[in-house]
Amino acid sequence: MNELYELTTKQKKSRRRRSIAIALVLVSLVVLFYVATIIKFGPAILARPL
């Protein structure tokens, strides 16, 4: 039922490209949310007392 099989080189390359694309999208979203937060709160958020 649960047979294991080896991926072809083409499938491995395709999977790697897809993984890299997903990682880039996630990093882009993190940067976008960070920038949006800084813009929303303004530069005063960086000057607050800790």
PDB file of N, CA and C in Angstrom:
ATOM      1  N   MET A   1       0.813  -1.196   0.000  1.00  0.00           N
ATOM      2  CA  MET A   1       0.000   0.000   0.000  1.00  0.00           C
ATOM      3  C   MET A   1       0.856   1.259   0.000  1.00  0.00           C
ATOM      4  N   ASN A   2       1.752   1.335   0.945  1.00  0.00           N
ATOM      5  CA  ASN A   2       2.566   2.538   1.098  1.00  0.00           C
ATOM      6  C   ASN A   2       3.930   2.308   0.460  1.00  0.00           C
ATOM      7  N   GLU A   3       3.961   2.377  -0.863  1.00  0.00           N
ATOM      8  CA  GLU A   3       5.196   2.109  -1.585  1.00  0.00           C
ATOM      9  C   GLU A   3       6.031   3.378  -1.686  1.00  0.00           C
ATOM     10  N   LEU A   4       7.323   3.216  -1.471  1.00  0.00           N
ATOM     11  CA  LEU A   4       8.238   4.333  -1.627  1.00  0.00           C
ATOM     12  C   LEU A   4       8.858   4.257  -3.012  1.00  0.00           C
ATOM     13  N   TYR A   5       9.070   5.409  -3.625  1.00  0.00           N
ATOM     14  CA  TYR A   5       9.690   5.434  -4.933  1.00  0.00           C
ATOM     15  C   TYR A   5      10.612   6.635  -5.018  1.00  0.00           C
ATOM     16  N   GLU A   6      11.596   6.524  -5.865  1.00  0.00           N
ATOM     17  CA  GLU A   6      12.606   7.565  -6.034  1.00  0.00           C
ATOM     18  C   GLU A   6      12.113   8.601  -7.039  1.00  0.00           C
ATOM     19  N   LEU A   7      12.307   9.868  -6.707  1.00  0.00           N
ATOM     20  CA  LEU A   7      11.933  10.939  -7.625  1.00  0.00           C
ATOM     21  C   LEU A   7      12.970  11.052  -8.732  1.00  0.00           C
ATOM     22  N   THR A   8      12.506  11.433  -9.900  1.00  0.00           N
ATOM     23  CA  THR A   8      13.436  11.659 -10.999  1.00  0.00           C
ATOM     24  C   THR A   8      14.156  12.983 -10.784  1.00  0.00           C
ATOM     25  N   THR A   9      15.221  13.200 -11.517  1.00  0.00           N
ATOM     26  CA  THR A   9      15.978  14.448 -11.405  1.00  0.00           C
ATOM     27  C   THR A   9      15.094  15.644 -11.746  1.00  0.00           C
ATOM     28  N   LYS A  10      14.265  15.479 -12.754  1.00  0.00           N
ATOM     29  CA  LYS A  10      13.365  16.563 -13.156  1.00  0.00           C
ATOM     30  C   LYS A  10      12.377  16.901 -12.030  1.00  0.00           C
ATOM     31  N   GLN A  11      11.865  15.880 -11.355  1.00  0.00           N
ATOM     32  CA  GLN A  11      10.925  16.099 -10.256  1.00  0.00           C
ATOM     33  C   GLN A  11      11.620  16.766  -9.070  1.00  0.00           C
ATOM     34  N   LYS A  12      12.865  16.354  -8.799  1.00  0.00           N
ATOM     35  CA  LYS A  12      13.616  16.965  -7.701  1.00  0.00           C
ATOM     36  C   LYS A  12      13.878  18.443  -7.974  1.00  0.00           C
ATOM     37  N   LYS A  13      14.256  18.773  -9.203  1.00  0.00           N
ATOM     38  CA  LYS A  13      14.508  20.169  -9.556  1.00  0.00           C
ATOM     39  C   LYS A  13      13.229  20.989  -9.460  1.00  0.00           C
ATOM     40  N   SER A  14      12.124  20.399  -9.905  1.00  0.00           N
ATOM     41  CA  SER A  14      10.841  21.090  -9.850  1.00  0.00           C
ATOM     42  C   SER A  14      10.426  21.349  -8.405  1.00  0.00           C
ATOM     43  N   ARG A  15      10.623  20.354  -7.553  1.00  0.00           N
ATOM     44  CA  ARG A  15      10.274  20.491  -6.137  1.00  0.00           C
ATOM     45  C   ARG A  15      11.142  21.558  -5.479  1.00  0.00           C
ATOM     46  N   ARG A  16      12.430  21.567  -5.817  1.00  0.00           N
ATOM     47  CA  ARG A  16      13.345  22.556  -5.238  1.00  0.00           C
ATOM     48  C   ARG A  16      12.954  23.972  -5.670  1.00  0.00           C
ATOM     49  N   ARG A  17      12.648  24.135  -6.951  1.00  0.00           N
ATOM     50  CA  ARG A  17      12.233  25.468  -7.436  1.00  0.00           C
ATOM     51  C   ARG A  17      10.956  25.930  -6.743  1.00  0.00           C
ATOM     52  N   ARG A  18      10.025  25.021  -6.576  1.00  0.00           N
ATOM     53  CA  ARG A  18       8.766  25.361  -5.907  1.00  0.00           C
ATOM     54  C   ARG A  18       9.010  25.737  -4.452  1.00  0.00           C
ATOM     55  N   SER A  19       9.888  25.016  -3.785  1.00  0.00           N
ATOM     56  CA  SER A  19      10.207  25.323  -2.393  1.00  0.00           C
ATOM     57  C   SER A  19      10.872  26.693  -2.266  1.00  0.00           C
ATOM     58  N   ILE A  20      11.778  26.997  -3.178  1.00  0.00           N
ATOM     59  CA  ILE A  20      12.438  28.303  -3.162  1.00  0.00           C
ATOM     60  C   ILE A  20      11.421  29.414  -3.417  1.00  0.00           C
ATOM     61  N   ALA A  21      10.508  29.191  -4.353  1.00  0.00           N
ATOM     62  CA  ALA A  21       9.479  30.191  -4.653  1.00  0.00           C
ATOM     63  C   ALA A  21       8.588  30.435  -3.433  1.00  0.00           C
ATOM     64  N   ILE A  22       8.197  29.379  -2.746  1.00  0.00           N
ATOM     65  CA  ILE A  22       7.361  29.525  -1.545  1.00  0.00           C
ATOM     66  C   ILE A  22       8.123  30.275  -0.462  1.00  0.00           C
ATOM     67  N   ALA A  23       9.405  29.960  -0.291  1.00  0.00           N
ATOM     68  CA  ALA A  23      10.219  30.651   0.708  1.00  0.00           C
ATOM     69  C   ALA A  23      10.333  32.133   0.396  1.00  0.00           C
ATOM     70  N   LEU A  24      10.531  32.466  -0.875  1.00  0.00           N
ATOM     71  CA  LEU A  24      10.632  33.878  -1.265  1.00  0.00           C
ATOM     72  C   LEU A  24       9.327  34.623  -1.015  1.00  0.00           C
ATOM     73  N   VAL A  25       8.212  33.978  -1.289  1.00  0.00           N
ATOM     74  CA  VAL A  25       6.907  34.599  -1.033  1.00  0.00           C
ATOM     75  C   VAL A  25       6.721  34.837   0.464  1.00  0.00           C
ATOM     76  N   LEU A  26       7.086  33.868   1.288  1.00  0.00           N
ATOM     77  CA  LEU A  26       6.938  34.027   2.735  1.00  0.00           C
ATOM     78  C   LEU A  26       7.831  35.143   3.275  1.00  0.00           C
ATOM     79  N   VAL A  27       9.066  35.200   2.804  1.00  0.00           N
ATOM     80  CA  VAL A  27       9.972  36.272   3.235  1.00  0.00           C
ATOM     81  C   VAL A  27       9.428  37.624   2.792  1.00  0.00           C
ATOM     82  N   SER A  28       8.905  37.690   1.580  1.00  0.00           N
ATOM     83  CA  SER A  28       8.332  38.947   1.089  1.00  0.00           C
ATOM     84  C   SER A  28       7.160  39.399   1.957  1.00  0.00           C
ATOM     85  N   LEU A  29       6.315  38.464   2.361  1.00  0.00           N
ATOM     86  CA  LEU A  29       5.181  38.810   3.217  1.00  0.00           C
ATOM     87  C   LEU A  29       5.640  39.309   4.581  1.00  0.00           C
ATOM     88  N   VAL A  30       6.659  38.681   5.141  1.00  0.00           N
ATOM     89  CA  VAL A  30       7.190  39.129   6.430  1.00  0.00           C
ATOM     90  C   VAL A  30       7.708  40.553   6.312  1.00  0.00           C
ATOM     91  N   VAL A  31       8.472  40.826   5.264  1.00  0.00           N
ATOM     92  CA  VAL A  31       9.006  42.178   5.058  1.00  0.00           C
ATOM     93  C   VAL A  31       7.872  43.170   4.845  1.00  0.00           C
ATOM     94  N   LEU A  32       6.881  42.787   4.062  1.00  0.00           N
ATOM     95  CA  LEU A  32       5.734  43.667   3.812  1.00  0.00           C
ATOM     96  C   LEU A  32       4.997  43.999   5.109  1.00  0.00           C
ATOM     97  N   PHE A  33       4.742  42.996   5.949  1.00  0.00           N
ATOM     98  CA  PHE A  33       4.053  43.249   7.220  1.00  0.00           C
ATOM     99  C   PHE A  33       4.903  44.106   8.149  1.00  0.00           C
ATOM    100  N   TYR A  34       6.200  43.885   8.156  1.00  0.00           N
ATOM    101  CA  TYR A  34       7.092  44.685   9.003  1.00  0.00           C
ATOM    102  C   TYR A  34       7.060  46.151   8.564  1.00  0.00           C
ATOM    103  N   VAL A  35       7.188  46.379   7.268  1.00  0.00           N
ATOM    104  CA  VAL A  35       7.176  47.750   6.747  1.00  0.00           C
ATOM    105  C   VAL A  35       5.810  48.398   6.996  1.00  0.00           C
ATOM    106  N   ALA A  36       4.740  47.648   6.786  1.00  0.00           N
ATOM    107  CA  ALA A  36       3.406  48.199   7.024  1.00  0.00           C
ATOM    108  C   ALA A  36       3.223  48.573   8.493  1.00  0.00           C
ATOM    109  N   THR A  37       3.767  47.787   9.398  1.00  0.00           N
ATOM    110  CA  THR A  37       3.664  48.089  10.826  1.00  0.00           C
ATOM    111  C   THR A  37       4.430  49.358  11.162  1.00  0.00           C
ATOM    112  N   ILE A  38       5.634  49.493  10.629  1.00  0.00           N
ATOM    113  CA  ILE A  38       6.433  50.690  10.886  1.00  0.00           C
ATOM    114  C   ILE A  38       5.727  51.923  10.320  1.00  0.00           C
ATOM    115  N   ILE A  39       5.155  51.791   9.134  1.00  0.00           N
ATOM    116  CA  ILE A  39       4.438  52.930   8.533  1.00  0.00           C
ATOM    117  C   ILE A  39       3.200  53.269   9.361  1.00  0.00           C
ATOM    118  N   LYS A  40       2.482  52.248   9.818  1.00  0.00           N
ATOM    119  CA  LYS A  40       1.254  52.489  10.581  1.00  0.00           C
ATOM    120  C   LYS A  40       1.537  53.196  11.906  1.00  0.00           C
ATOM    121  N   PHE A  41       2.557  52.736  12.632  1.00  0.00           N
ATOM    122  CA  PHE A  41       2.872  53.329  13.925  1.00  0.00           C
ATOM    123  C   PHE A  41       3.780  54.535  13.812  1.00  0.00           C
ATOM    124  N   GLY A  42       4.409  54.713  12.694  1.00  0.00           N
ATOM    125  CA  GLY A  42       5.271  55.865  12.477  1.00  0.00           C
ATOM    126  C   GLY A  42       6.645  55.665  13.085  1.00  0.00           C
ATOM    127  N   PRO A  43       7.516  56.615  12.856  1.00  0.00           N
ATOM    128  CA  PRO A  43       8.884  56.494  13.354  1.00  0.00           C
ATOM    129  C   PRO A  43       8.978  56.588  14.880  1.00  0.00           C
ATOM    130  N   ALA A  44       7.927  57.045  15.535  1.00  0.00           N
ATOM    131  CA  ALA A  44       7.951  57.173  16.991  1.00  0.00           C
ATOM    132  C   ALA A  44       8.076  55.810  17.677  1.00  0.00           C
ATOM    133  N   ILE A  45       7.701  54.749  16.992  1.00  0.00           N
ATOM    134  CA  ILE A  45       7.801  53.421  17.614  1.00  0.00           C
ATOM    135  C   ILE A  45       9.243  53.053  17.895  1.00  0.00           C
ATOM    136  N   LEU A  46      10.175  53.613  17.126  1.00  0.00           N
ATOM    137  CA  LEU A  46      11.589  53.305  17.323  1.00  0.00           C
ATOM    138  C   LEU A  46      12.202  54.142  18.460  1.00  0.00           C
ATOM    139  N   ALA A  47      11.528  55.241  18.849  1.00  0.00           N
ATOM    140  CA  ALA A  47      12.056  56.141  19.866  1.00  0.00           C
ATOM    141  C   ALA A  47      11.406  55.919  21.233  1.00  0.00           C
ATOM    142  N   ARG A  48      10.675  54.851  21.387  1.00  0.00           N
ATOM    143  CA  ARG A  48       9.987  54.619  22.665  1.00  0.00           C
ATOM    144  C   ARG A  48      10.963  54.091  23.722  1.00  0.00           C
ATOM    145  N   PRO A  49      10.698  54.365  24.996  1.00  0.00           N
ATOM    146  CA  PRO A  49      11.574  53.846  26.037  1.00  0.00           C
ATOM    147  C   PRO A  49      11.387  52.351  26.206  1.00  0.00           C
ATOM    148  N   LEU A  50      12.481  51.681  26.470  1.00  0.00           N
ATOM    149  CA  LEU A  50      12.406  50.229  26.672  1.00  0.00           C
ATOM    150  C   LEU A  50      12.240  49.969  28.104  1.00  0.00           C
TER     151      LEU A  50
END
